[in-house]
Amino acid sequence: MKILKKAVCLILAVTVLLSFPVSCSSGDYALKIGDRVISADRYKAAAISIKSQFLTSNDLEDTDDLWDRYIDSSYTSTVQQYLDSMIQSYLISYNLYSIHFDELGLTLDDQTVNEIEETMQSYIEQYGSKEELDKSLREQGFTYEDFEQQYYDEAQKKAVIMYYFGPDSTENPVSRDDLRAYYEEYYTKVKHIFLSTKDDEDNDLSKDEKAKIGQKAQEIYQKALAGEDFEKLIDEYNEDPGMASNPDGYIFSKDDTSYTTVFHNAAFEMKVGDIKLIQSNLGYHIMKKYPFTDEDIFSPDREVVLLENMMSEESNKILDDLKERIGVKYNNAVLEELSVVNIDIQSDQQSDSLISDELKEQLGVDTETTEEK
C-alpha cells in the first residue's frame, strides 16, 4: 500500500511554526553544516511544522501504526524514516547551497531582495511589530535574523541551481526548449467536470441513481464535443470544489499517485484539446486536456524545481561533493529524540504555519478513495 503521494528529495519551503513552543531538553545542536549550527530548537521547529502539515492536510491521527507503515511496496522506508530524512535533507541542502552561493560569488537581484523584505514586513505587520515577531521566534530558539535568513537561503539555493543549469549557465545549461520538452513529457494539465456517485457520507449511490448521473454525464460530454464553452460547462455542472482552487487546471506528473488511476491514465493518454468521458470509483469525469503556458513552466519557482528534477543526477552530485568538502555532522542522540514519532503536537493550538504551497503539495497520503479527482 502506498502511503505518500510522492517521494521528495529536497523540501522546497521555509518551515517555521510560530505558535508551537518547541524547547528541547537537550539544549544541544542537531546538525552542523560547515560552521553553521542547527540547534535542537530550530530543528524541532522544522520537524513540528512538517509533521503538523502532514497530519492535518490528510486528516490523519498520530498513531504508532501510521509511522511504522511503509511508504510503498519496496519496503525500504517507513513514514517515520521518510519524514525524518526529509527534515534533515531540507536543513542540510539549503545551508550547503547558501554556503556555496557565497563561494561562487553570486548575488541576489534587487527584485528578489525586495520580495524578501516585503515578506518580512508582512510578518511584522501580522505580529504588530518587529519586536513581537522576534519575541515569538525567540521562544523557539530562533531570532528574527534566523527567520529572515531562511528566505535568503531559499533564494540563494535557487540562484545556485540557475548558475549550474539555467539557460544562461556556463556550466551545464538547459535550454528553454529542452525544459519545455521535459515538462510536456512528464507532466499533464487537465480540467474536468465531475459528477459524484457518492452521497454526503461517501457511500455509493444506488444503481438507478448512478445510471441517472451517467446519463447526465453523457449529455454534458456531448455538449462539450459539440463545441460548447468548456469553462462555462464547468461553472454550470462541476461538483469538484478543487477546480475552484485550481482554476488553471490540475497539473501533475507521471509519478504522482494522488489521483485515481483511471483519471491519471486518461490525462496522459489524451492529446491537447481532447475531451474524454471516464468513470472512476468516485463518479463521472468529463475531462479536457489543456496546453501548458510559459507561466506554467517558467515561473521562477517552478523553473528551478524542474531544472533540479531534470538534472537530478547532476544536482545530487553537486550536493554530495558539497557535503564531503564542507562537512555535515549529525548529533544522532538529538536527532533520535526529535524524530517525528517522538515530538508532540498540541492539537488544541492554532498553527500559524509558514509552509509553502510546494511542500503542501508534496506531503500527504494516497487518498484515492476520497479525492474528487
Protein backbone atom coordinates (compact mmCIF):
# COMPACT_ATOMS: atom_id res chain seq x y z
CA MET A 1 0.00 0.00 0.00
CA LYS A 2 1.34 3.41 -0.92
CA ILE A 3 1.30 5.89 1.93
CA LEU A 4 2.81 9.04 0.45
CA LYS A 5 1.75 10.89 -2.65
CA LYS A 6 5.28 11.15 -3.95
CA ALA A 7 8.87 10.85 -2.82
CA VAL A 8 10.64 14.11 -2.02
CA CYS A 9 14.39 14.52 -2.11
CA LEU A 10 14.51 18.17 -1.10
CA ILE A 11 11.94 20.32 0.65
CA LEU A 12 11.16 23.49 -1.24
CA ALA A 13 9.85 25.51 1.64
CA VAL A 14 10.58 27.69 4.61
CA THR A 15 9.23 25.73 7.55
CA VAL A 16 8.63 27.54 10.80
CA LEU A 17 5.69 27.13 13.16
CA LEU A 18 5.23 30.29 15.16
CA SER A 19 2.53 29.09 17.53
CA PHE A 20 4.08 25.94 18.99
CA PRO A 21 6.53 26.06 21.92
CA VAL A 22 9.50 23.98 20.86
CA SER A 23 12.03 23.97 23.67
CA CYS A 24 14.20 20.87 23.66
CA SER A 25 15.52 19.27 26.81
CA SER A 26 18.92 18.58 25.33
CA GLY A 27 19.71 22.22 24.53
CA ASP A 28 22.32 20.87 22.11
CA TYR A 29 22.87 21.10 18.38
CA ALA A 30 21.11 18.76 15.96
CA LEU A 31 23.18 19.31 12.83
CA LYS A 32 26.35 21.14 11.88
CA ILE A 33 26.86 22.11 8.25
CA GLY A 34 30.32 23.55 7.91
CA ASP A 35 30.48 26.31 10.50
CA ARG A 36 26.68 26.64 10.61
CA VAL A 37 24.93 25.15 13.64
CA ILE A 38 21.32 23.95 13.55
CA SER A 39 20.19 23.99 17.16
CA ALA A 40 17.88 21.36 18.60
CA ASP A 41 15.18 24.01 18.97
CA ARG A 42 15.45 25.11 15.37
CA TYR A 43 15.41 21.51 14.17
CA LYS A 44 12.35 20.78 16.28
CA ALA A 45 10.51 23.77 14.84
CA ALA A 46 11.02 22.38 11.34
CA ALA A 47 10.04 18.86 12.47
CA ILE A 48 6.84 20.07 14.13
CA SER A 49 5.90 22.14 11.12
CA ILE A 50 6.33 19.28 8.66
CA LYS A 51 4.65 16.72 10.91
CA SER A 52 1.73 19.05 11.59
CA GLN A 53 1.18 19.75 7.90
CA PHE A 54 1.44 16.06 7.07
CA LEU A 55 -1.20 15.08 9.62
CA THR A 56 -3.67 17.94 9.26
CA SER A 57 -3.68 18.11 5.47
CA ASN A 58 -4.59 14.43 5.30
CA ASP A 59 -6.86 14.18 8.35
CA LEU A 60 -4.58 11.61 10.00
CA GLU A 61 -4.15 10.57 13.59
CA ASP A 62 -0.71 10.47 15.21
CA THR A 63 -0.55 6.72 15.81
CA ASP A 64 2.28 4.21 16.03
CA ASP A 65 0.65 2.29 13.21
CA LEU A 66 1.00 5.25 10.83
CA TRP A 67 4.69 5.80 11.46
CA ASP A 68 5.53 2.11 11.16
CA ARG A 69 3.85 1.73 7.77
CA TYR A 70 5.99 1.64 4.64
CA ILE A 71 5.69 4.36 2.05
CA ASP A 72 5.41 1.93 -0.86
CA SER A 73 5.75 -1.70 -1.87
CA SER A 74 9.55 -1.54 -1.91
CA TYR A 75 9.51 -1.76 1.91
CA THR A 76 12.65 0.33 2.14
CA SER A 77 11.41 3.20 4.27
CA THR A 78 8.69 3.77 6.84
CA VAL A 79 6.76 7.02 7.08
CA GLN A 80 8.81 7.91 10.16
CA GLN A 81 12.09 7.33 8.37
CA TYR A 82 10.87 9.20 5.32
CA LEU A 83 9.84 12.34 7.19
CA ASP A 84 12.91 12.34 9.43
CA SER A 85 15.10 12.13 6.33
CA MET A 86 13.08 14.88 4.67
CA ILE A 87 13.63 17.30 7.57
CA GLN A 88 17.35 16.65 7.59
CA SER A 89 17.62 16.96 3.79
CA TYR A 90 15.86 20.31 3.89
CA LEU A 91 18.09 21.81 6.55
CA ILE A 92 21.29 20.39 5.11
CA SER A 93 20.66 21.19 1.45
CA TYR A 94 19.63 24.80 1.95
CA ASN A 95 22.63 25.52 4.12
CA LEU A 96 25.02 23.81 1.70
CA TYR A 97 23.62 25.77 -1.22
CA SER A 98 23.79 29.01 0.76
CA ILE A 99 27.44 28.41 1.65
CA HIS A 100 28.20 27.54 -1.98
CA PHE A 101 26.36 30.68 -3.11
CA ASP A 102 28.96 32.74 -1.28
CA GLU A 103 31.80 30.59 -2.62
CA LEU A 104 30.66 31.23 -6.19
CA GLY A 105 30.47 34.97 -5.58
CA LEU A 106 26.83 35.13 -6.61
CA THR A 107 24.45 37.95 -5.68
CA LEU A 108 20.68 38.25 -5.50
CA ASP A 109 18.95 40.68 -7.82
CA ASP A 110 17.07 43.68 -6.46
CA GLN A 111 13.66 42.15 -7.20
CA THR A 112 14.41 39.05 -5.11
CA VAL A 113 15.73 41.13 -2.22
CA ASN A 114 12.69 43.41 -2.35
CA GLU A 115 10.34 40.40 -2.31
CA ILE A 116 12.06 39.01 0.80
CA GLU A 117 11.88 42.38 2.52
CA GLU A 118 8.19 42.68 1.67
CA THR A 119 7.56 39.18 3.05
CA MET A 120 9.32 40.00 6.31
CA GLN A 121 7.39 43.26 6.57
CA SER A 122 4.12 41.37 6.18
CA TYR A 123 5.02 39.19 9.19
CA ILE A 124 6.00 42.25 11.21
CA GLU A 125 2.59 43.74 10.47
CA GLN A 126 0.91 40.46 11.37
CA TYR A 127 2.57 40.42 14.80
CA GLY A 128 2.26 44.15 15.38
CA SER A 129 5.96 44.94 15.47
CA LYS A 130 9.37 43.51 14.72
CA GLU A 131 9.92 43.15 18.46
CA GLU A 132 6.81 40.98 18.90
CA LEU A 133 7.78 38.79 15.97
CA ASP A 134 11.29 38.43 17.36
CA LYS A 135 9.86 37.58 20.79
CA SER A 136 7.70 34.81 19.31
CA LEU A 137 10.66 33.43 17.40
CA ARG A 138 12.99 33.55 20.41
CA GLU A 139 10.56 31.35 22.32
CA GLN A 140 11.57 28.67 19.81
CA GLY A 141 15.28 29.32 19.92
CA PHE A 142 15.13 31.50 16.79
CA THR A 143 15.82 35.14 16.20
CA TYR A 144 14.37 37.50 13.64
CA GLU A 145 17.67 37.25 11.78
CA ASP A 146 17.47 33.43 11.73
CA PHE A 147 13.98 33.61 10.30
CA GLU A 148 14.91 36.13 7.63
CA GLN A 149 17.99 34.13 6.69
CA GLN A 150 15.83 31.14 5.74
CA TYR A 151 14.24 33.19 2.97
CA TYR A 152 17.65 34.27 1.78
CA ASP A 153 18.85 30.65 1.93
CA GLU A 154 15.95 29.60 -0.29
CA ALA A 155 16.68 32.37 -2.79
CA GLN A 156 20.38 31.54 -2.77
CA LYS A 157 19.67 27.88 -3.47
CA LYS A 158 17.61 28.87 -6.49
CA ALA A 159 20.45 31.10 -7.68
CA VAL A 160 22.94 28.23 -7.43
CA ILE A 161 20.64 25.89 -9.40
CA MET A 162 20.28 28.54 -12.10
CA TYR A 163 24.06 29.07 -12.07
CA TYR A 164 24.64 25.40 -12.91
CA PHE A 165 21.64 24.58 -15.10
CA GLY A 166 19.85 27.76 -16.17
CA PRO A 167 19.70 28.70 -19.88
CA ASP A 168 22.50 31.25 -19.39
CA SER A 169 24.73 28.86 -17.42
CA THR A 170 28.36 28.37 -18.45
CA GLU A 171 28.44 25.03 -16.58
CA ASN A 172 25.65 22.73 -17.80
CA PRO A 173 22.94 24.86 -19.40
CA VAL A 174 19.46 23.55 -20.11
CA SER A 175 17.66 25.41 -22.88
CA ARG A 176 14.09 26.57 -22.52
CA ASP A 177 13.13 24.25 -25.37
CA ASP A 178 14.67 21.24 -23.63
CA LEU A 179 12.98 22.16 -20.35
CA ARG A 180 9.62 22.52 -22.08
CA ALA A 181 10.08 19.15 -23.79
CA TYR A 182 10.89 17.54 -20.43
CA TYR A 183 7.84 19.17 -18.83
CA GLU A 184 5.48 18.15 -21.60
CA GLU A 185 6.75 14.56 -21.47
CA TYR A 186 6.43 14.07 -17.71
CA TYR A 187 3.55 16.41 -16.81
CA THR A 188 -0.02 16.91 -17.90
CA LYS A 189 -2.66 19.62 -17.48
CA VAL A 190 -6.37 18.86 -17.41
CA LYS A 191 -9.66 20.26 -16.26
CA HIS A 192 -12.77 18.23 -15.62
CA ILE A 193 -16.47 18.37 -14.91
CA PHE A 194 -17.03 15.97 -12.04
CA LEU A 195 -20.36 14.36 -11.15
CA SER A 196 -20.21 12.38 -7.92
CA THR A 197 -21.78 8.95 -7.46
CA LYS A 198 -21.34 9.14 -3.67
CA ASP A 199 -23.65 10.53 -1.02
CA ASP A 200 -22.65 13.08 1.63
CA GLU A 201 -21.30 10.27 3.82
CA ASP A 202 -19.15 8.92 0.99
CA ASN A 203 -21.37 5.88 0.39
CA ASP A 204 -22.14 4.64 -3.11
CA LEU A 205 -25.47 5.73 -4.56
CA SER A 206 -27.96 3.14 -5.79
CA LYS A 207 -27.62 1.57 -9.23
CA ASP A 208 -30.57 3.60 -10.56
CA GLU A 209 -29.17 6.85 -9.18
CA LYS A 210 -25.79 6.12 -10.74
CA ALA A 211 -27.47 5.44 -14.08
CA LYS A 212 -29.19 8.85 -14.00
CA ILE A 213 -25.90 10.57 -13.22
CA GLY A 214 -24.22 8.62 -16.01
CA GLN A 215 -26.88 9.81 -18.45
CA LYS A 216 -26.37 13.40 -17.32
CA ALA A 217 -22.60 13.00 -17.77
CA GLN A 218 -23.15 11.69 -21.31
CA GLU A 219 -25.30 14.73 -22.14
CA ILE A 220 -22.66 17.14 -20.84
CA TYR A 221 -19.99 15.23 -22.73
CA GLN A 222 -21.94 15.60 -25.97
CA LYS A 223 -22.29 19.34 -25.36
CA ALA A 224 -18.53 19.61 -24.90
CA LEU A 225 -17.88 17.61 -28.07
CA ALA A 226 -20.29 19.88 -29.95
CA GLY A 227 -18.08 22.85 -29.09
CA GLU A 228 -19.86 24.43 -26.14
CA ASP A 229 -17.57 26.51 -23.92
CA PHE A 230 -15.90 24.03 -21.56
CA GLU A 231 -15.29 26.70 -18.94
CA LYS A 232 -18.99 27.54 -18.84
CA LEU A 233 -19.86 23.86 -18.61
CA ILE A 234 -17.52 23.59 -15.59
CA ASP A 235 -19.23 26.54 -13.94
CA GLU A 236 -22.68 25.07 -14.58
CA TYR A 237 -22.23 21.38 -13.78
CA ASN A 238 -18.99 20.64 -11.94
CA GLU A 239 -19.17 19.21 -8.39
CA ASP A 240 -15.44 19.16 -7.63
CA PRO A 241 -14.54 22.04 -5.27
CA GLY A 242 -10.90 21.50 -6.19
CA MET A 243 -11.48 23.11 -9.56
CA ALA A 244 -12.25 26.40 -7.82
CA SER A 245 -8.86 26.38 -6.10
CA ASN A 246 -7.16 25.20 -9.32
CA PRO A 247 -8.77 27.46 -11.95
CA ASP A 248 -5.91 26.87 -14.39
CA GLY A 249 -6.39 23.12 -14.18
CA TYR A 250 -4.76 20.15 -12.46
CA ILE A 251 -1.08 19.88 -13.32
CA PHE A 252 0.67 16.70 -12.20
CA SER A 253 3.49 14.35 -13.14
CA LYS A 254 3.52 10.73 -14.25
CA ASP A 255 4.81 9.76 -10.82
CA ASP A 256 2.01 11.49 -8.91
CA THR A 257 -0.23 8.88 -7.26
CA SER A 258 -2.67 11.29 -5.63
CA TYR A 259 -5.29 10.89 -8.38
CA THR A 260 -7.49 7.90 -9.16
CA THR A 261 -5.75 5.56 -11.58
CA VAL A 262 -8.32 5.90 -14.36
CA PHE A 263 -8.19 9.72 -14.14
CA HIS A 264 -4.38 9.73 -14.07
CA ASN A 265 -4.04 7.39 -17.05
CA ALA A 266 -6.60 9.25 -19.15
CA ALA A 267 -4.84 12.56 -18.51
CA PHE A 268 -1.63 11.20 -20.05
CA GLU A 269 -3.32 9.29 -22.88
CA MET A 270 -5.14 12.41 -24.12
CA LYS A 271 -3.71 14.97 -26.52
CA VAL A 272 -4.11 18.72 -26.06
CA GLY A 273 -7.68 19.67 -26.90
CA ASP A 274 -9.05 16.15 -26.44
CA ILE A 275 -12.27 15.69 -24.45
CA LYS A 276 -12.98 12.38 -22.75
CA LEU A 277 -15.68 10.87 -20.52
CA ILE A 278 -14.49 8.39 -17.90
CA GLN A 279 -15.97 6.75 -14.82
CA SER A 280 -14.00 6.22 -11.61
CA ASN A 281 -14.99 4.81 -8.24
CA LEU A 282 -15.88 8.39 -7.28
CA GLY A 283 -18.12 9.32 -10.16
CA TYR A 284 -18.03 10.59 -13.75
CA HIS A 285 -15.39 12.90 -15.18
CA ILE A 286 -15.71 14.85 -18.41
CA MET A 287 -12.08 15.75 -18.98
CA LYS A 288 -10.31 18.18 -21.29
CA LYS A 289 -6.57 18.41 -21.80
CA TYR A 290 -5.05 21.90 -21.92
CA PRO A 291 -1.74 23.19 -23.28
CA PHE A 292 0.95 24.45 -20.94
CA THR A 293 1.59 28.17 -20.82
CA ASP A 294 5.04 29.72 -20.36
CA GLU A 295 3.88 30.74 -16.88
CA ASP A 296 3.15 27.08 -16.05
CA ILE A 297 6.72 26.12 -16.86
CA PHE A 298 8.93 29.15 -16.47
CA SER A 299 7.69 30.85 -13.32
CA PRO A 300 10.79 31.41 -11.10
CA ASP A 301 9.85 28.80 -8.50
CA ARG A 302 8.69 26.10 -10.93
CA GLU A 303 11.61 26.51 -13.33
CA VAL A 304 14.12 25.86 -10.56
CA VAL A 305 12.21 22.78 -9.37
CA LEU A 306 12.04 21.43 -12.92
CA LEU A 307 15.73 22.02 -13.51
CA GLU A 308 16.59 20.25 -10.28
CA ASN A 309 14.36 17.30 -11.21
CA MET A 310 15.52 17.13 -14.81
CA MET A 311 19.16 17.35 -13.74
CA SER A 312 18.72 15.27 -10.59
CA GLU A 313 21.81 13.15 -11.16
CA GLU A 314 23.99 16.22 -11.62
CA SER A 315 22.40 18.21 -8.77
CA ASN A 316 22.75 15.26 -6.38
CA LYS A 317 26.42 15.02 -7.28
CA ILE A 318 26.85 18.72 -6.51
CA LEU A 319 25.24 18.21 -3.10
CA ASP A 320 27.31 15.10 -2.37
CA ASP A 321 30.51 16.95 -3.26
CA LEU A 322 29.49 19.86 -1.04
CA LYS A 323 28.71 17.54 1.86
CA GLU A 324 32.10 15.88 1.56
CA ARG A 325 34.03 19.13 1.22
CA ILE A 326 32.11 21.36 3.65
CA GLY A 327 31.20 18.61 6.09
CA VAL A 328 27.98 17.62 7.83
CA LYS A 329 27.86 16.41 11.43
CA TYR A 330 24.83 14.61 12.85
CA ASN A 331 24.04 14.61 16.57
CA ASN A 332 22.33 11.23 16.49
CA ALA A 333 21.14 11.35 20.09
CA VAL A 334 19.29 14.64 19.50
CA LEU A 335 18.00 13.55 16.10
CA GLU A 336 16.56 10.39 17.64
CA GLU A 337 14.93 12.44 20.41
CA LEU A 338 13.45 14.77 17.80
CA SER A 339 12.17 12.11 15.43
CA VAL A 340 8.64 12.87 14.19
CA VAL A 341 7.40 9.86 16.13
CA ASN A 342 8.61 11.43 19.40
CA ILE A 343 7.72 15.12 19.07
CA ASP A 344 4.31 16.15 20.35
CA ILE A 345 1.93 18.48 18.57
CA GLN A 346 -0.60 20.28 20.74
CA SER A 347 -3.76 19.87 18.68
CA ASP A 348 -5.71 22.49 20.60
CA GLN A 349 -3.42 25.28 19.41
CA GLN A 350 -3.90 27.04 16.12
CA SER A 351 -0.85 26.66 13.92
CA ASP A 352 0.41 29.69 12.03
CA SER A 353 2.33 27.60 9.55
CA LEU A 354 4.64 29.24 7.08
CA ILE A 355 4.94 26.11 4.97
CA SER A 356 4.98 26.91 1.28
CA ASP A 357 2.46 25.58 -1.22
CA GLU A 358 5.16 23.43 -2.80
CA LEU A 359 5.61 21.46 0.40
CA LYS A 360 1.87 21.18 0.98
CA GLU A 361 1.58 19.54 -2.42
CA GLN A 362 4.38 17.13 -1.65
CA LEU A 363 3.24 15.94 1.77
CA GLY A 364 0.31 13.53 2.11
CA VAL A 365 -1.09 10.06 1.74
CA ASP A 366 -2.81 8.22 -1.07
CA THR A 367 -6.39 9.49 -0.77
CA GLU A 368 -7.64 7.79 -3.90
CA THR A 369 -10.94 6.80 -2.36
CA THR A 370 -11.84 10.23 -1.06
CA GLU A 371 -10.49 12.79 -3.52
CA GLU A 372 -12.90 14.16 -6.08
CA LYS A 373 -10.45 13.61 -8.89
